[in-house]
Amino acid sequence: MSYGAIAITFKSLIMGLAFH
């Protein structure tokens, strides 16, 4: 797994939690 993929996934989770 590349670091870029992890960063995007982590960002998506944070954004989802923030806007939920």
PDB file of N, CA and C in Angstrom:
ATOM      1  N   MET A   1       0.861  -1.204   0.000  1.00  0.00           N
ATOM      2  CA  MET A   1       0.000   0.000   0.000  1.00  0.00           C
ATOM      3  C   MET A   1       0.895   1.251   0.000  1.00  0.00           C
ATOM      4  N   SER A   2       0.599   2.165  -0.880  1.00  0.00           N
ATOM      5  CA  SER A   2       1.424   3.372  -0.973  1.00  0.00           C
ATOM      6  C   SER A   2       1.004   4.411   0.064  1.00  0.00           C
ATOM      7  N   TYR A   3       1.947   5.267   0.414  1.00  0.00           N
ATOM      8  CA  TYR A   3       1.668   6.301   1.417  1.00  0.00           C
ATOM      9  C   TYR A   3       0.567   7.248   0.924  1.00  0.00           C
ATOM     10  N   GLY A   4       0.562   7.508  -0.388  1.00  0.00           N
ATOM     11  CA  GLY A   4      -0.454   8.401  -0.956  1.00  0.00           C
ATOM     12  C   GLY A   4      -1.855   7.851  -0.730  1.00  0.00           C
ATOM     13  N   ALA A   5      -2.020   6.542  -0.938  1.00  0.00           N
ATOM     14  CA  ALA A   5      -3.339   5.926  -0.755  1.00  0.00           C
ATOM     15  C   ALA A   5      -3.784   6.038   0.695  1.00  0.00           C
ATOM     16  N   ILE A   6      -2.842   5.808   1.608  1.00  0.00           N
ATOM     17  CA  ILE A   6      -3.167   5.904   3.041  1.00  0.00           C
ATOM     18  C   ILE A   6      -3.584   7.330   3.394  1.00  0.00           C
ATOM     19  N   ALA A   7      -2.854   8.309   2.865  1.00  0.00           N
ATOM     20  CA  ALA A   7      -3.156   9.713   3.163  1.00  0.00           C
ATOM     21  C   ALA A   7      -4.548  10.079   2.660  1.00  0.00           C
ATOM     22  N   ILE A   8      -4.879   9.630   1.442  1.00  0.00           N
ATOM     23  CA  ILE A   8      -6.186   9.948   0.865  1.00  0.00           C
ATOM     24  C   ILE A   8      -7.290   9.284   1.687  1.00  0.00           C
ATOM     25  N   THR A   9      -7.083   8.025   2.064  1.00  0.00           N
ATOM     26  CA  THR A   9      -8.095   7.309   2.850  1.00  0.00           C
ATOM     27  C   THR A   9      -8.296   7.983   4.199  1.00  0.00           C
ATOM     28  N   PHE A  10      -7.171   8.326   4.857  1.00  0.00           N
ATOM     29  CA  PHE A  10      -7.245   8.964   6.166  1.00  0.00           C
ATOM     30  C   PHE A  10      -7.968  10.305   6.063  1.00  0.00           C
ATOM     31  N   LYS A  11      -7.652  11.062   5.019  1.00  0.00           N
ATOM     32  CA  LYS A  11      -8.286  12.364   4.819  1.00  0.00           C
ATOM     33  C   LYS A  11      -9.781  12.185   4.603  1.00  0.00           C
ATOM     34  N   SER A  12     -10.141  11.170   3.825  1.00  0.00           N
ATOM     35  CA  SER A  12     -11.554  10.907   3.547  1.00  0.00           C
ATOM     36  C   SER A  12     -12.300  10.600   4.840  1.00  0.00           C
ATOM     37  N   LEU A  13     -11.674   9.800   5.712  1.00  0.00           N
ATOM     38  CA  LEU A  13     -12.306   9.454   6.987  1.00  0.00           C
ATOM     39  C   LEU A  13     -12.502  10.700   7.841  1.00  0.00           C
ATOM     40  N   ILE A  14     -11.491  11.544   7.916  1.00  0.00           N
ATOM     41  CA  ILE A  14     -11.581  12.772   8.720  1.00  0.00           C
ATOM     42  C   ILE A  14     -12.667  13.698   8.156  1.00  0.00           C
ATOM     43  N   MET A  15     -12.655  13.859   6.845  1.00  0.00           N
ATOM     44  CA  MET A  15     -13.637  14.738   6.213  1.00  0.00           C
ATOM     45  C   MET A  15     -15.044  14.204   6.456  1.00  0.00           C
ATOM     46  N   GLY A  16     -15.207  12.880   6.341  1.00  0.00           N
ATOM     47  CA  GLY A  16     -16.516  12.253   6.559  1.00  0.00           C
ATOM     48  C   GLY A  16     -17.005  12.487   7.982  1.00  0.00           C
ATOM     49  N   LEU A  17     -16.112  12.301   8.949  1.00  0.00           N
ATOM     50  CA  LEU A  17     -16.495  12.487  10.344  1.00  0.00           C
ATOM     51  C   LEU A  17     -16.820  13.954  10.619  1.00  0.00           C
ATOM     52  N   ALA A  18     -16.048  14.858  10.007  1.00  0.00           N
ATOM     53  CA  ALA A  18     -16.244  16.285  10.243  1.00  0.00           C
ATOM     54  C   ALA A  18     -17.588  16.754   9.678  1.00  0.00           C
ATOM     55  N   PHE A  19     -17.943  16.231   8.482  1.00  0.00           N
ATOM     56  CA  PHE A  19     -19.187  16.685   7.863  1.00  0.00           C
ATOM     57  C   PHE A  19     -20.381  15.821   8.231  1.00  0.00           C
ATOM     58  N   HIS A  20     -20.164  14.849   9.122  1.00  0.00           N
ATOM     59  CA  HIS A  20     -21.285  14.009   9.516  1.00  0.00           C
ATOM     60  C   HIS A  20     -21.856  14.573  10.809  1.00  0.00           C
TER      61      HIS A  20
END
